[in-house]
């Protein structure tokens, strides 16, 4: 379960960071 959970986390992180980056850009551009 550990390695599978780590793989899931590695899969989940890029979209979250991209979403955070987009959100920060949106807030700064207002």
N, C-alpha and C. Protein backbone atom coordinates (compact mmCIF):
# COMPACT_ATOMS: atom_id res chain seq x y z
N UNK A 1 0.84 -1.20 0.00
CA UNK A 1 0.00 0.00 0.00
C UNK A 1 0.88 1.25 0.00
N UNK A 2 2.03 1.21 0.66
CA UNK A 2 2.91 2.37 0.72
C UNK A 2 3.34 2.85 -0.66
N UNK A 3 4.01 1.98 -1.46
CA UNK A 3 4.46 2.39 -2.80
C UNK A 3 3.31 2.84 -3.69
N UNK A 4 2.18 2.15 -3.60
CA UNK A 4 1.03 2.52 -4.43
C UNK A 4 0.53 3.91 -4.03
N UNK A 5 0.53 4.17 -2.73
CA UNK A 5 0.08 5.47 -2.24
C UNK A 5 1.05 6.56 -2.70
N UNK A 6 2.36 6.25 -2.67
CA UNK A 6 3.36 7.22 -3.13
C UNK A 6 3.17 7.51 -4.62
N UNK A 7 2.89 6.46 -5.39
CA UNK A 7 2.68 6.64 -6.83
C UNK A 7 1.44 7.51 -7.07
N UNK A 8 0.40 7.28 -6.27
CA UNK A 8 -0.82 8.07 -6.40
C UNK A 8 -0.53 9.53 -6.06
N UNK A 9 0.28 9.74 -5.00
CA UNK A 9 0.64 11.10 -4.61
C UNK A 9 1.46 11.79 -5.70
N UNK A 10 2.39 11.04 -6.30
CA UNK A 10 3.22 11.59 -7.37
C UNK A 10 2.35 11.94 -8.58
N UNK A 11 1.30 11.16 -8.79
CA UNK A 11 0.39 11.43 -9.90
C UNK A 11 -0.47 12.64 -9.60
N UNK A 12 -0.78 12.86 -8.33
CA UNK A 12 -1.73 13.90 -7.95
C UNK A 12 -1.05 15.27 -7.83
N UNK A 13 0.25 15.27 -7.54
CA UNK A 13 0.93 16.54 -7.24
C UNK A 13 1.01 17.50 -8.43
N UNK A 14 1.41 17.05 -9.64
CA UNK A 14 1.56 18.00 -10.75
C UNK A 14 0.29 18.80 -11.05
N UNK A 15 -0.89 18.18 -11.14
CA UNK A 15 -2.09 18.97 -11.40
C UNK A 15 -2.35 19.99 -10.30
N UNK A 16 -2.10 19.60 -9.05
CA UNK A 16 -2.34 20.53 -7.94
C UNK A 16 -1.41 21.72 -8.03
N UNK A 17 -0.13 21.47 -8.31
CA UNK A 17 0.83 22.57 -8.41
C UNK A 17 0.49 23.46 -9.61
N UNK A 18 0.04 22.85 -10.70
CA UNK A 18 -0.34 23.62 -11.88
C UNK A 18 -1.57 24.47 -11.57
N UNK A 19 -2.52 23.89 -10.85
CA UNK A 19 -3.73 24.63 -10.48
C UNK A 19 -3.37 25.80 -9.57
N UNK A 20 -2.45 25.54 -8.61
CA UNK A 20 -2.03 26.60 -7.70
C UNK A 20 -1.34 27.71 -8.47
N UNK A 21 -0.49 27.32 -9.44
CA UNK A 21 0.23 28.30 -10.25
C UNK A 21 -0.75 29.15 -11.05
N UNK A 22 -1.75 28.50 -11.64
CA UNK A 22 -2.75 29.22 -12.42
C UNK A 22 -3.55 30.16 -11.53
N UNK A 23 -3.89 29.69 -10.34
CA UNK A 23 -4.66 30.52 -9.42
C UNK A 23 -3.86 31.74 -9.00
N UNK A 24 -2.57 31.56 -8.71
CA UNK A 24 -1.73 32.70 -8.31
C UNK A 24 -1.62 33.70 -9.45
N UNK A 25 -1.46 33.21 -10.67
CA UNK A 25 -1.38 34.12 -11.82
C UNK A 25 -2.68 34.88 -11.99
N UNK A 26 -3.81 34.19 -11.81
CA UNK A 26 -5.12 34.82 -11.95
C UNK A 26 -5.29 35.93 -10.91
N UNK A 27 -4.86 35.65 -9.68
CA UNK A 27 -5.00 36.65 -8.61
C UNK A 27 -4.09 37.85 -8.88
N UNK A 28 -2.87 37.58 -9.36
CA UNK A 28 -1.93 38.68 -9.61
C UNK A 28 -2.37 39.54 -10.78
N UNK A 29 -3.07 38.95 -11.74
CA UNK A 29 -3.45 39.69 -12.95
C UNK A 29 -4.72 40.51 -12.75
N UNK A 30 -5.40 40.36 -11.62
CA UNK A 30 -6.64 41.10 -11.41
C UNK A 30 -6.37 42.58 -11.17
